[in-house]
Amino acid sequence: MLDYFKTILSKVSFDGYLFEKELKKAIKSLVADEVDQLKSWCYEQFGLLYQSILNQCFSTAA
């Protein structure tokens, strides 16, 4: 599932609203270890573009 969500997030990364929606869905669907992996990957891939969205979504996931 982690790879699936990485693919989806990459495909919707052109739109902040869709990115946030899919990220929230991913966080709800994954187990804690996978969420940690997703968090690292997201900050690496999209940290410059969507840092505020990432901060908000992952702070509520903790």
PDB file of N, CA and C in Angstrom:
ATOM      1  N   MET A   1       0.819  -1.204   0.000  1.00  0.00           N
ATOM      2  CA  MET A   1       0.000   0.000   0.000  1.00  0.00           C
ATOM      3  C   MET A   1       0.861   1.266   0.000  1.00  0.00           C
ATOM      4  N   LEU A   2       1.999   1.197   0.649  1.00  0.00           N
ATOM      5  CA  LEU A   2       2.868   2.375   0.707  1.00  0.00           C
ATOM      6  C   LEU A   2       3.280   2.814  -0.696  1.00  0.00           C
ATOM      7  N   ASP A   3       3.699   1.872  -1.516  1.00  0.00           N
ATOM      8  CA  ASP A   3       4.094   2.211  -2.889  1.00  0.00           C
ATOM      9  C   ASP A   3       2.923   2.753  -3.691  1.00  0.00           C
ATOM     10  N   TYR A   4       1.742   2.210  -3.457  1.00  0.00           N
ATOM     11  CA  TYR A   4       0.536   2.695  -4.128  1.00  0.00           C
ATOM     12  C   TYR A   4       0.307   4.176  -3.799  1.00  0.00           C
ATOM     13  N   PHE A   5       0.380   4.516  -2.511  1.00  0.00           N
ATOM     14  CA  PHE A   5       0.150   5.902  -2.122  1.00  0.00           C
ATOM     15  C   PHE A   5       1.254   6.830  -2.617  1.00  0.00           C
ATOM     16  N   LYS A   6       2.476   6.352  -2.686  1.00  0.00           N
ATOM     17  CA  LYS A   6       3.556   7.165  -3.247  1.00  0.00           C
ATOM     18  C   LYS A   6       3.258   7.493  -4.708  1.00  0.00           C
ATOM     19  N   THR A   7       2.764   6.503  -5.440  1.00  0.00           N
ATOM     20  CA  THR A   7       2.418   6.712  -6.845  1.00  0.00           C
ATOM     21  C   THR A   7       1.299   7.737  -6.977  1.00  0.00           C
ATOM     22  N   ILE A   8       0.260   7.576  -6.171  1.00  0.00           N
ATOM     23  CA  ILE A   8      -0.874   8.509  -6.215  1.00  0.00           C
ATOM     24  C   ILE A   8      -0.418   9.923  -5.877  1.00  0.00           C
ATOM     25  N   LEU A   9       0.345  10.066  -4.810  1.00  0.00           N
ATOM     26  CA  LEU A   9       0.800  11.399  -4.411  1.00  0.00           C
ATOM     27  C   LEU A   9       1.664  12.040  -5.495  1.00  0.00           C
ATOM     28  N   SER A  10       2.480  11.269  -6.143  1.00  0.00           N
ATOM     29  CA  SER A  10       3.299  11.805  -7.243  1.00  0.00           C
ATOM     30  C   SER A  10       2.419  12.298  -8.379  1.00  0.00           C
ATOM     31  N   LYS A  11       1.357  11.546  -8.669  1.00  0.00           N
ATOM     32  CA  LYS A  11       0.483  11.910  -9.790  1.00  0.00           C
ATOM     33  C   LYS A  11      -0.384  13.126  -9.508  1.00  0.00           C
ATOM     34  N   VAL A  12      -0.739  13.373  -8.235  1.00  0.00           N
ATOM     35  CA  VAL A  12      -1.598  14.521  -7.914  1.00  0.00           C
ATOM     36  C   VAL A  12      -0.802  15.705  -7.365  1.00  0.00           C
ATOM     37  N   SER A  13       0.511  15.620  -7.406  1.00  0.00           N
ATOM     38  CA  SER A  13       1.340  16.664  -6.805  1.00  0.00           C
ATOM     39  C   SER A  13       1.232  18.018  -7.516  1.00  0.00           C
ATOM     40  N   PHE A  14       0.593  18.056  -8.665  1.00  0.00           N
ATOM     41  CA  PHE A  14       0.399  19.320  -9.385  1.00  0.00           C
ATOM     42  C   PHE A  14      -0.656  20.198  -8.729  1.00  0.00           C
ATOM     43  N   ASP A  15      -1.483  19.610  -7.842  1.00  0.00           N
ATOM     44  CA  ASP A  15      -2.601  20.320  -7.228  1.00  0.00           C
ATOM     45  C   ASP A  15      -2.546  20.144  -5.712  1.00  0.00           C
ATOM     46  N   GLY A  16      -2.376  21.244  -4.998  1.00  0.00           N
ATOM     47  CA  GLY A  16      -2.253  21.191  -3.544  1.00  0.00           C
ATOM     48  C   GLY A  16      -3.457  20.580  -2.850  1.00  0.00           C
ATOM     49  N   TYR A  17      -4.666  20.895  -3.331  1.00  0.00           N
ATOM     50  CA  TYR A  17      -5.878  20.358  -2.716  1.00  0.00           C
ATOM     51  C   TYR A  17      -5.935  18.837  -2.852  1.00  0.00           C
ATOM     52  N   LEU A  18      -5.706  18.335  -4.058  1.00  0.00           N
ATOM     53  CA  LEU A  18      -5.718  16.882  -4.273  1.00  0.00           C
ATOM     54  C   LEU A  18      -4.602  16.194  -3.498  1.00  0.00           C
ATOM     55  N   PHE A  19      -3.440  16.839  -3.460  1.00  0.00           N
ATOM     56  CA  PHE A  19      -2.308  16.276  -2.731  1.00  0.00           C
ATOM     57  C   PHE A  19      -2.658  16.108  -1.258  1.00  0.00           C
ATOM     58  N   GLU A  20      -3.234  17.141  -0.664  1.00  0.00           N
ATOM     59  CA  GLU A  20      -3.602  17.077   0.759  1.00  0.00           C
ATOM     60  C   GLU A  20      -4.667  16.013   1.004  1.00  0.00           C
ATOM     61  N   LYS A  21      -5.651  15.949   0.134  1.00  0.00           N
ATOM     62  CA  LYS A  21      -6.721  14.960   0.263  1.00  0.00           C
ATOM     63  C   LYS A  21      -6.162  13.536   0.216  1.00  0.00           C
ATOM     64  N   GLU A  22      -5.306  13.260  -0.740  1.00  0.00           N
ATOM     65  CA  GLU A  22      -4.733  11.918  -0.877  1.00  0.00           C
ATOM     66  C   GLU A  22      -3.746  11.608   0.246  1.00  0.00           C
ATOM     67  N   LEU A  23      -3.035  12.601   0.718  1.00  0.00           N
ATOM     68  CA  LEU A  23      -2.114  12.388   1.826  1.00  0.00           C
ATOM     69  C   LEU A  23      -2.870  12.007   3.093  1.00  0.00           C
ATOM     70  N   LYS A  24      -3.962  12.692   3.361  1.00  0.00           N
ATOM     71  CA  LYS A  24      -4.781  12.362   4.540  1.00  0.00           C
ATOM     72  C   LYS A  24      -5.324  10.941   4.429  1.00  0.00           C
ATOM     73  N   LYS A  25      -5.751  10.568   3.249  1.00  0.00           N
ATOM     74  CA  LYS A  25      -6.259   9.219   3.024  1.00  0.00           C
ATOM     75  C   LYS A  25      -5.158   8.183   3.265  1.00  0.00           C
ATOM     76  N   ALA A  26      -3.963   8.485   2.791  1.00  0.00           N
ATOM     77  CA  ALA A  26      -2.834   7.570   2.976  1.00  0.00           C
ATOM     78  C   ALA A  26      -2.505   7.403   4.453  1.00  0.00           C
ATOM     79  N   ILE A  27      -2.472   8.495   5.188  1.00  0.00           N
ATOM     80  CA  ILE A  27      -2.139   8.439   6.610  1.00  0.00           C
ATOM     81  C   ILE A  27      -3.152   7.591   7.373  1.00  0.00           C
ATOM     82  N   LYS A  28      -4.421   7.707   7.018  1.00  0.00           N
ATOM     83  CA  LYS A  28      -5.464   6.912   7.677  1.00  0.00           C
ATOM     84  C   LYS A  28      -5.360   5.424   7.340  1.00  0.00           C
ATOM     85  N   SER A  29      -4.866   5.117   6.157  1.00  0.00           N
ATOM     86  CA  SER A  29      -4.862   3.734   5.675  1.00  0.00           C
ATOM     87  C   SER A  29      -3.629   2.931   6.067  1.00  0.00           C
ATOM     88  N   LEU A  30      -2.543   3.615   6.344  1.00  0.00           N
ATOM     89  CA  LEU A  30      -1.277   2.923   6.595  1.00  0.00           C
ATOM     90  C   LEU A  30      -1.041   2.685   8.086  1.00  0.00           C
ATOM     91  N   VAL A  31      -0.237   1.677   8.388  1.00  0.00           N
ATOM     92  CA  VAL A  31       0.165   1.422   9.774  1.00  0.00           C
ATOM     93  C   VAL A  31       1.276   2.413  10.149  1.00  0.00           C
ATOM     94  N   ALA A  32       1.544   2.545  11.435  1.00  0.00           N
ATOM     95  CA  ALA A  32       2.454   3.574  11.955  1.00  0.00           C
ATOM     96  C   ALA A  32       3.834   3.547  11.294  1.00  0.00           C
ATOM     97  N   ASP A  33       4.400   2.372  11.119  1.00  0.00           N
ATOM     98  CA  ASP A  33       5.727   2.263  10.506  1.00  0.00           C
ATOM     99  C   ASP A  33       5.713   2.788   9.069  1.00  0.00           C
ATOM    100  N   GLU A  34       4.661   2.469   8.343  1.00  0.00           N
ATOM    101  CA  GLU A  34       4.541   2.938   6.953  1.00  0.00           C
ATOM    102  C   GLU A  34       4.314   4.445   6.905  1.00  0.00           C
ATOM    103  N   VAL A  35       3.586   4.983   7.879  1.00  0.00           N
ATOM    104  CA  VAL A  35       3.373   6.434   7.929  1.00  0.00           C
ATOM    105  C   VAL A  35       4.709   7.143   8.130  1.00  0.00           C
ATOM    106  N   ASP A  36       5.573   6.586   8.979  1.00  0.00           N
ATOM    107  CA  ASP A  36       6.900   7.171   9.180  1.00  0.00           C
ATOM    108  C   ASP A  36       7.707   7.166   7.887  1.00  0.00           C
ATOM    109  N   GLN A  37       7.636   6.056   7.155  1.00  0.00           N
ATOM    110  CA  GLN A  37       8.340   5.964   5.874  1.00  0.00           C
ATOM    111  C   GLN A  37       7.765   6.963   4.864  1.00  0.00           C
ATOM    112  N   LEU A  38       6.446   7.067   4.846  1.00  0.00           N
ATOM    113  CA  LEU A  38       5.778   8.005   3.939  1.00  0.00           C
ATOM    114  C   LEU A  38       6.166   9.441   4.278  1.00  0.00           C
ATOM    115  N   LYS A  39       6.228   9.745   5.560  1.00  0.00           N
ATOM    116  CA  LYS A  39       6.601  11.095   6.005  1.00  0.00           C
ATOM    117  C   LYS A  39       7.989  11.459   5.486  1.00  0.00           C
ATOM    118  N   SER A  40       8.943  10.573   5.673  1.00  0.00           N
ATOM    119  CA  SER A  40      10.306  10.835   5.198  1.00  0.00           C
ATOM    120  C   SER A  40      10.324  11.045   3.694  1.00  0.00           C
ATOM    121  N   TRP A  41       9.635  10.182   2.978  1.00  0.00           N
ATOM    122  CA  TRP A  41       9.598  10.267   1.522  1.00  0.00           C
ATOM    123  C   TRP A  41       8.932  11.573   1.068  1.00  0.00           C
ATOM    124  N   CYS A  42       7.825  11.930   1.697  1.00  0.00           N
ATOM    125  CA  CYS A  42       7.100  13.151   1.311  1.00  0.00           C
ATOM    126  C   CYS A  42       7.948  14.397   1.509  1.00  0.00           C
ATOM    127  N   TYR A  43       8.621  14.494   2.655  1.00  0.00           N
ATOM    128  CA  TYR A  43       9.460  15.664   2.894  1.00  0.00           C
ATOM    129  C   TYR A  43      10.623  15.717   1.908  1.00  0.00           C
ATOM    130  N   GLU A  44      11.135  14.556   1.537  1.00  0.00           N
ATOM    131  CA  GLU A  44      12.222  14.493   0.568  1.00  0.00           C
ATOM    132  C   GLU A  44      11.746  14.940  -0.818  1.00  0.00           C
ATOM    133  N   GLN A  45      10.572  14.459  -1.220  1.00  0.00           N
ATOM    134  CA  GLN A  45      10.059  14.720  -2.564  1.00  0.00           C
ATOM    135  C   GLN A  45       9.346  16.071  -2.700  1.00  0.00           C
ATOM    136  N   PHE A  46       8.553  16.430  -1.687  1.00  0.00           N
ATOM    137  CA  PHE A  46       7.656  17.585  -1.811  1.00  0.00           C
ATOM    138  C   PHE A  46       7.850  18.635  -0.728  1.00  0.00           C
ATOM    139  N   GLY A  47       8.916  18.534   0.052  1.00  0.00           N
ATOM    140  CA  GLY A  47       9.136  19.444   1.178  1.00  0.00           C
ATOM    141  C   GLY A  47       9.169  20.912   0.785  1.00  0.00           C
ATOM    142  N   LEU A  48       9.770  21.215  -0.324  1.00  0.00           N
ATOM    143  CA  LEU A  48       9.846  22.611  -0.756  1.00  0.00           C
ATOM    144  C   LEU A  48       8.503  23.123  -1.269  1.00  0.00           C
ATOM    145  N   LEU A  49       7.771  22.270  -1.917  1.00  0.00           N
ATOM    146  CA  LEU A  49       6.508  22.666  -2.554  1.00  0.00           C
ATOM    147  C   LEU A  49       5.340  22.716  -1.567  1.00  0.00           C
ATOM    148  N   TYR A  50       5.230  21.708  -0.712  1.00  0.00           N
ATOM    149  CA  TYR A  50       4.054  21.567   0.153  1.00  0.00           C
ATOM    150  C   TYR A  50       4.411  21.421   1.627  1.00  0.00           C
ATOM    151  N   GLN A  51       5.390  22.161   2.096  1.00  0.00           N
ATOM    152  CA  GLN A  51       5.832  22.005   3.480  1.00  0.00           C
ATOM    153  C   GLN A  51       4.708  22.261   4.480  1.00  0.00           C
ATOM    154  N   SER A  52       3.896  23.276   4.265  1.00  0.00           N
ATOM    155  CA  SER A  52       2.815  23.578   5.219  1.00  0.00           C
ATOM    156  C   SER A  52       1.767  22.469   5.251  1.00  0.00           C
ATOM    157  N   ILE A  53       1.449  21.898   4.104  1.00  0.00           N
ATOM    158  CA  ILE A  53       0.495  20.786   4.043  1.00  0.00           C
ATOM    159  C   ILE A  53       1.078  19.573   4.758  1.00  0.00           C
ATOM    160  N   LEU A  54       2.342  19.285   4.507  1.00  0.00           N
ATOM    161  CA  LEU A  54       2.991  18.145   5.151  1.00  0.00           C
ATOM    162  C   LEU A  54       3.036  18.332   6.663  1.00  0.00           C
ATOM    163  N   ASN A  55       3.406  19.524   7.104  1.00  0.00           N
ATOM    164  CA  ASN A  55       3.456  19.785   8.543  1.00  0.00           C
ATOM    165  C   ASN A  55       2.101  19.576   9.189  1.00  0.00           C
ATOM    166  N   GLN A  56       1.067  20.084   8.560  1.00  0.00           N
ATOM    167  CA  GLN A  56      -0.288  19.972   9.112  1.00  0.00           C
ATOM    168  C   GLN A  56      -0.749  18.517   9.147  1.00  0.00           C
ATOM    169  N   CYS A  57      -0.601  17.801   8.049  1.00  0.00           N
ATOM    170  CA  CYS A  57      -1.090  16.432   7.971  1.00  0.00           C
ATOM    171  C   CYS A  57      -0.337  15.494   8.908  1.00  0.00           C
ATOM    172  N   PHE A  58       0.969  15.621   8.967  1.00  0.00           N
ATOM    173  CA  PHE A  58       1.744  14.713   9.796  1.00  0.00           C
ATOM    174  C   PHE A  58       1.715  15.079  11.265  1.00  0.00           C
ATOM    175  N   SER A  59       1.399  16.333  11.589  1.00  0.00           N
ATOM    176  CA  SER A  59       1.279  16.683  13.007  1.00  0.00           C
ATOM    177  C   SER A  59       0.017  16.077  13.613  1.00  0.00           C
ATOM    178  N   THR A  60      -1.025  15.961  12.822  1.00  0.00           N
ATOM    179  CA  THR A  60      -2.261  15.347  13.321  1.00  0.00           C
ATOM    180  C   THR A  60      -2.144  13.821  13.342  1.00  0.00           C
ATOM    181  N   ALA A  61      -1.193  13.270  12.595  1.00  0.00           N
ATOM    182  CA  ALA A  61      -1.016  11.814  12.543  1.00  0.00           C
ATOM    183  C   ALA A  61      -0.214  11.300  13.722  1.00  0.00           C
ATOM    184  N   ALA A  62       0.509  12.174  14.386  1.00  0.00           N
ATOM    185  CA  ALA A  62       1.393  11.746  15.491  1.00  0.00           C
ATOM    186  C   ALA A  62       0.636  11.304  16.714  1.00  0.00           C
TER     187      ALA A  62
END
